[in-house]
Amino acid sequence: MNRPINRSDSSPGDQQGRSFIEQARRAQIVGCAIDTIAELGYGQASLARIAERAGISKGVIGYHFAGKDELIREIVREVLARATEYMQPRITAQSTGREMLRAYIESNLEFMGAYRNHVIAILEIARNTVRAEDDSSLDPALLEGAVATLAQLLAKFQATGEFRHDFDPIVMAMAIRAAIDAVPRRMSSDPGLDVARYGAELATLFDLAARSRASRSGASRSRAASRRASAS
């Protein structure tokens, strides 16, 4: 028996031509799915429960998405897009390597604090799904790409002398990402976690680990000059 025509089966051109109402409905479904997964866990977040939260029938979800797998992929895309939109301007607004590194770490944590349900939902998805070869959600290449991009940033400022030259950018980038990516699990078990403070601590830790001796000496001289100015 032929499957009913579903809007999620449409071509890219058709998708671009979705009406405002269709786009708004899809966004509503994705938002309710994120909140349901964050609140109940992946296994309990059935399409029926997502529909109930959205105040629609399960059939409406089926009209816009081929099934839960496609909805999950859309959640992943939404969270990644929202994170990029939130963090990138904060990072690129900085002019030095140390400022960019701090902004990178702190904006990651700020995003987690501001979009807690998004982050918890992604954690639940990662815990409960196994990526198939033809499934673009939770692609391990996403993490690899994040590490590679950060490593390039570190290497760039090693070349300028702002960061010490004797660390491996890949190793440092992996350590930074591991420290950041450990936070969602902590958030899941500790709703009162002070994410902003956590981010500031991580930023200081990796700033000290990465900065060159010249940067440290300059910072020490600046602090000493400030103390002398205050005393006079």
Protein backbone atom coordinates (compact mmCIF):
# COMPACT_ATOMS: atom_id res chain seq x y z
CA MET A 1 0.00 0.00 0.00
CA ASN A 2 1.32 3.41 -0.92
CA ARG A 3 2.25 5.69 1.97
CA PRO A 4 0.19 8.91 2.17
CA ILE A 5 1.90 11.96 0.79
CA ASN A 6 3.76 13.63 3.65
CA ARG A 7 5.10 17.19 3.64
CA SER A 8 8.38 15.90 5.08
CA ASP A 9 8.89 13.93 1.85
CA SER A 10 8.95 17.09 -0.22
CA SER A 11 11.93 18.21 -2.21
CA PRO A 12 14.30 20.96 -0.95
CA GLY A 13 12.54 23.39 -3.25
CA ASP A 14 9.18 22.48 -1.76
CA GLN A 15 10.58 22.83 1.73
CA GLN A 16 11.82 26.31 0.95
CA GLY A 17 8.31 27.12 -0.26
CA ARG A 18 6.56 26.13 2.97
CA SER A 19 4.02 28.66 4.12
CA PHE A 20 4.62 30.75 7.21
CA ILE A 21 1.94 28.73 9.00
CA GLU A 22 3.65 25.43 8.14
CA GLN A 23 7.01 26.73 9.29
CA ALA A 24 5.48 27.99 12.52
CA ARG A 25 3.78 24.63 13.15
CA ARG A 26 7.02 22.72 12.55
CA ALA A 27 8.86 25.06 14.91
CA GLN A 28 6.13 24.55 17.53
CA ILE A 29 6.41 20.76 17.24
CA VAL A 30 10.20 20.87 17.52
CA GLY A 31 10.01 23.15 20.57
CA CYS A 32 7.47 20.90 22.28
CA ALA A 33 9.56 17.83 21.43
CA ILE A 34 12.63 19.45 23.01
CA ASP A 35 10.71 20.27 26.20
CA THR A 36 9.11 16.81 26.36
CA ILE A 37 12.42 14.99 25.95
CA ALA A 38 14.11 17.25 28.51
CA GLU A 39 11.29 16.73 31.03
CA LEU A 40 10.40 13.05 30.54
CA GLY A 41 13.49 11.55 28.93
CA TYR A 42 13.93 10.22 25.41
CA GLY A 43 12.16 6.91 25.97
CA GLN A 44 9.01 8.50 27.39
CA ALA A 45 8.81 11.26 24.79
CA SER A 46 6.41 9.56 22.41
CA LEU A 47 4.83 11.38 19.51
CA ALA A 48 1.53 11.20 21.39
CA ARG A 49 2.99 13.00 24.40
CA ILE A 50 4.69 15.58 22.20
CA ALA A 51 1.36 16.17 20.43
CA GLU A 52 -0.41 16.50 23.78
CA ARG A 53 2.05 19.16 24.91
CA ALA A 54 1.60 21.01 21.62
CA GLY A 55 -2.19 20.80 21.86
CA ILE A 56 -2.47 19.02 18.52
CA SER A 57 -3.23 15.52 17.29
CA LYS A 58 -0.52 12.98 16.61
CA GLY A 59 -1.63 13.07 12.98
CA VAL A 60 -0.55 16.70 12.70
CA ILE A 61 3.00 15.66 13.62
CA GLY A 62 2.79 12.94 10.96
CA TYR A 63 1.78 15.58 8.42
CA HIS A 64 4.97 17.56 9.02
CA PHE A 65 7.46 14.79 9.91
CA ALA A 66 7.81 11.26 8.56
CA GLY A 67 8.28 9.94 12.11
CA LYS A 68 10.19 10.34 15.33
CA ASP A 69 13.56 9.79 13.64
CA GLU A 70 13.07 12.75 11.33
CA LEU A 71 11.80 14.86 14.21
CA ILE A 72 14.92 13.98 16.21
CA ARG A 73 17.14 15.02 13.30
CA GLU A 74 15.30 18.33 13.14
CA ILE A 75 15.85 18.84 16.87
CA VAL A 76 19.58 18.30 16.43
CA ARG A 77 19.69 20.78 13.55
CA GLU A 78 17.68 23.32 15.54
CA VAL A 79 19.90 23.10 18.62
CA LEU A 80 23.12 23.36 16.61
CA ALA A 81 21.81 26.33 14.63
CA ARG A 82 20.63 28.08 17.80
CA ALA A 83 23.98 27.47 19.49
CA THR A 84 25.92 28.86 16.53
CA GLU A 85 23.66 31.90 16.36
CA TYR A 86 24.16 32.52 20.08
CA MET A 87 27.90 31.96 20.37
CA GLN A 88 29.50 33.06 17.11
CA PRO A 89 28.91 36.84 17.49
CA ARG A 90 30.29 36.72 21.03
CA ILE A 91 33.46 35.00 19.87
CA THR A 92 34.12 37.02 16.71
CA ALA A 93 33.58 40.29 18.59
CA GLN A 94 36.87 39.67 20.42
CA SER A 95 40.19 40.87 19.06
CA THR A 96 42.79 38.73 20.87
CA GLY A 97 43.36 35.02 21.20
CA ARG A 98 42.88 35.00 24.94
CA GLU A 99 39.63 36.96 24.67
CA MET A 100 38.37 34.65 21.92
CA LEU A 101 39.21 31.53 23.91
CA ARG A 102 37.44 32.90 26.97
CA ALA A 103 34.43 33.92 24.87
CA TYR A 104 34.36 30.48 23.24
CA ILE A 105 34.21 28.69 26.58
CA GLU A 106 31.93 31.12 28.40
CA SER A 107 29.47 31.46 25.51
CA ASN A 108 29.18 27.66 25.32
CA LEU A 109 28.24 27.57 29.00
CA GLU A 110 26.01 30.65 28.73
CA PHE A 111 24.12 28.95 25.93
CA MET A 112 23.64 25.87 28.09
CA GLY A 113 22.25 28.03 30.88
CA ALA A 114 19.95 30.00 28.58
CA TYR A 115 18.74 26.94 26.62
CA ARG A 116 18.80 24.29 29.31
CA ASN A 117 16.05 22.13 27.78
CA HIS A 118 17.77 22.19 24.39
CA VAL A 119 20.98 20.92 25.95
CA ILE A 120 19.29 18.26 28.09
CA ALA A 121 17.33 17.06 25.05
CA ILE A 122 20.51 16.64 23.04
CA LEU A 123 22.06 14.72 25.93
CA GLU A 124 19.04 12.42 26.06
CA ILE A 125 19.19 11.88 22.31
CA ALA A 126 22.90 11.07 22.50
CA ARG A 127 22.31 8.58 25.32
CA ASN A 128 19.47 6.77 23.61
CA THR A 129 20.09 6.68 19.88
CA VAL A 130 22.59 4.86 17.74
CA ARG A 131 23.56 6.55 14.52
CA ALA A 132 22.97 4.58 11.36
CA GLU A 133 25.11 5.07 8.28
CA ASP A 134 22.41 7.07 6.53
CA ASP A 135 21.34 9.08 9.57
CA SER A 136 22.76 12.59 9.79
CA SER A 137 21.74 13.15 13.42
CA LEU A 138 24.38 12.85 16.12
CA ASP A 139 27.08 12.46 13.52
CA PRO A 140 30.44 11.93 15.29
CA ALA A 141 31.90 14.25 12.67
CA LEU A 142 30.09 17.12 14.40
CA LEU A 143 32.29 16.75 17.48
CA GLU A 144 35.36 16.15 15.35
CA GLY A 145 34.58 19.33 13.43
CA ALA A 146 34.19 21.32 16.64
CA VAL A 147 37.57 20.07 17.89
CA ALA A 148 39.24 20.82 14.55
CA THR A 149 37.83 24.36 14.42
CA LEU A 150 38.96 25.10 17.97
CA ALA A 151 42.39 23.59 17.27
CA GLN A 152 42.77 25.93 14.29
CA LEU A 153 41.96 28.90 16.52
CA LEU A 154 44.54 27.79 19.08
CA ALA A 155 47.19 27.22 16.41
CA LYS A 156 46.53 30.65 14.92
CA PHE A 157 47.37 32.37 18.19
CA GLN A 158 50.30 30.07 18.83
CA ALA A 159 51.73 31.50 15.60
CA THR A 160 51.26 35.06 16.85
CA GLY A 161 52.97 34.25 20.15
CA GLU A 162 49.90 34.91 22.28
CA PHE A 163 49.60 31.24 23.18
CA ARG A 164 52.56 29.11 24.16
CA HIS A 165 53.92 27.14 21.24
CA ASP A 166 54.72 23.90 23.07
CA PHE A 167 51.25 22.38 23.36
CA ASP A 168 49.46 20.28 20.77
CA PRO A 169 46.41 22.26 19.56
CA ILE A 170 44.41 19.08 18.99
CA VAL A 171 45.07 17.81 22.51
CA MET A 172 44.20 21.19 24.04
CA ALA A 173 41.05 21.46 21.90
CA MET A 174 39.95 17.96 22.90
CA ALA A 175 40.49 18.80 26.59
CA ILE A 176 38.45 22.01 26.27
CA ARG A 177 35.62 20.25 24.45
CA ALA A 178 35.59 17.39 26.97
CA ALA A 179 35.32 19.88 29.85
CA ILE A 180 32.47 21.71 28.11
CA ASP A 181 30.65 18.57 27.00
CA ALA A 182 30.68 17.17 30.53
CA VAL A 183 28.42 20.00 31.72
CA PRO A 184 25.06 18.79 30.33
CA ARG A 185 25.27 15.59 32.40
CA ARG A 186 25.99 17.67 35.49
CA MET A 187 23.07 19.97 34.63
CA SER A 188 20.80 16.96 34.26
CA SER A 189 21.55 15.75 37.78
CA ASP A 190 22.00 19.19 39.39
CA PRO A 191 19.33 21.70 38.26
CA GLY A 192 20.85 24.34 40.57
CA LEU A 193 24.27 24.24 38.92
CA ASP A 194 25.70 27.76 38.50
CA VAL A 195 26.56 27.41 34.83
CA ALA A 196 27.96 30.94 34.45
CA ARG A 197 30.39 30.44 37.32
CA TYR A 198 31.36 27.05 35.93
CA GLY A 199 32.11 28.67 32.56
CA ALA A 200 34.20 31.43 34.13
CA GLU A 201 36.25 28.86 36.04
CA LEU A 202 36.84 26.78 32.91
CA ALA A 203 37.80 29.89 30.92
CA THR A 204 40.37 30.91 33.54
CA LEU A 205 41.75 27.37 33.74
CA PHE A 206 42.36 27.08 29.99
CA ASP A 207 43.53 30.68 29.70
CA LEU A 208 46.30 29.87 32.18
CA ALA A 209 47.06 26.63 30.37
CA ALA A 210 47.31 28.20 26.91
CA ARG A 211 48.79 31.66 27.33
CA SER A 212 52.46 32.27 26.61
CA ARG A 213 55.05 33.36 29.19
CA ALA A 214 55.10 36.79 27.59
CA SER A 215 51.34 37.11 28.10
CA ARG A 216 51.68 36.05 31.72
CA SER A 217 54.51 38.52 32.33
CA GLY A 218 52.51 41.29 30.71
CA ALA A 219 49.49 40.49 32.84
CA SER A 220 51.63 40.45 35.99
CA ARG A 221 53.14 43.84 35.13
CA SER A 222 49.69 45.23 34.46
CA ARG A 223 48.38 44.03 37.82
CA ALA A 224 51.43 45.44 39.61
CA ALA A 225 50.98 48.80 37.89
CA SER A 226 47.33 48.85 38.90
CA ARG A 227 48.25 48.16 42.52
CA ARG A 228 50.84 50.96 42.50
CA ALA A 229 48.34 53.37 40.97
CA SER A 230 45.78 52.46 43.63
CA ALA A 231 48.31 52.95 46.42
CA SER A 232 49.43 56.40 45.22
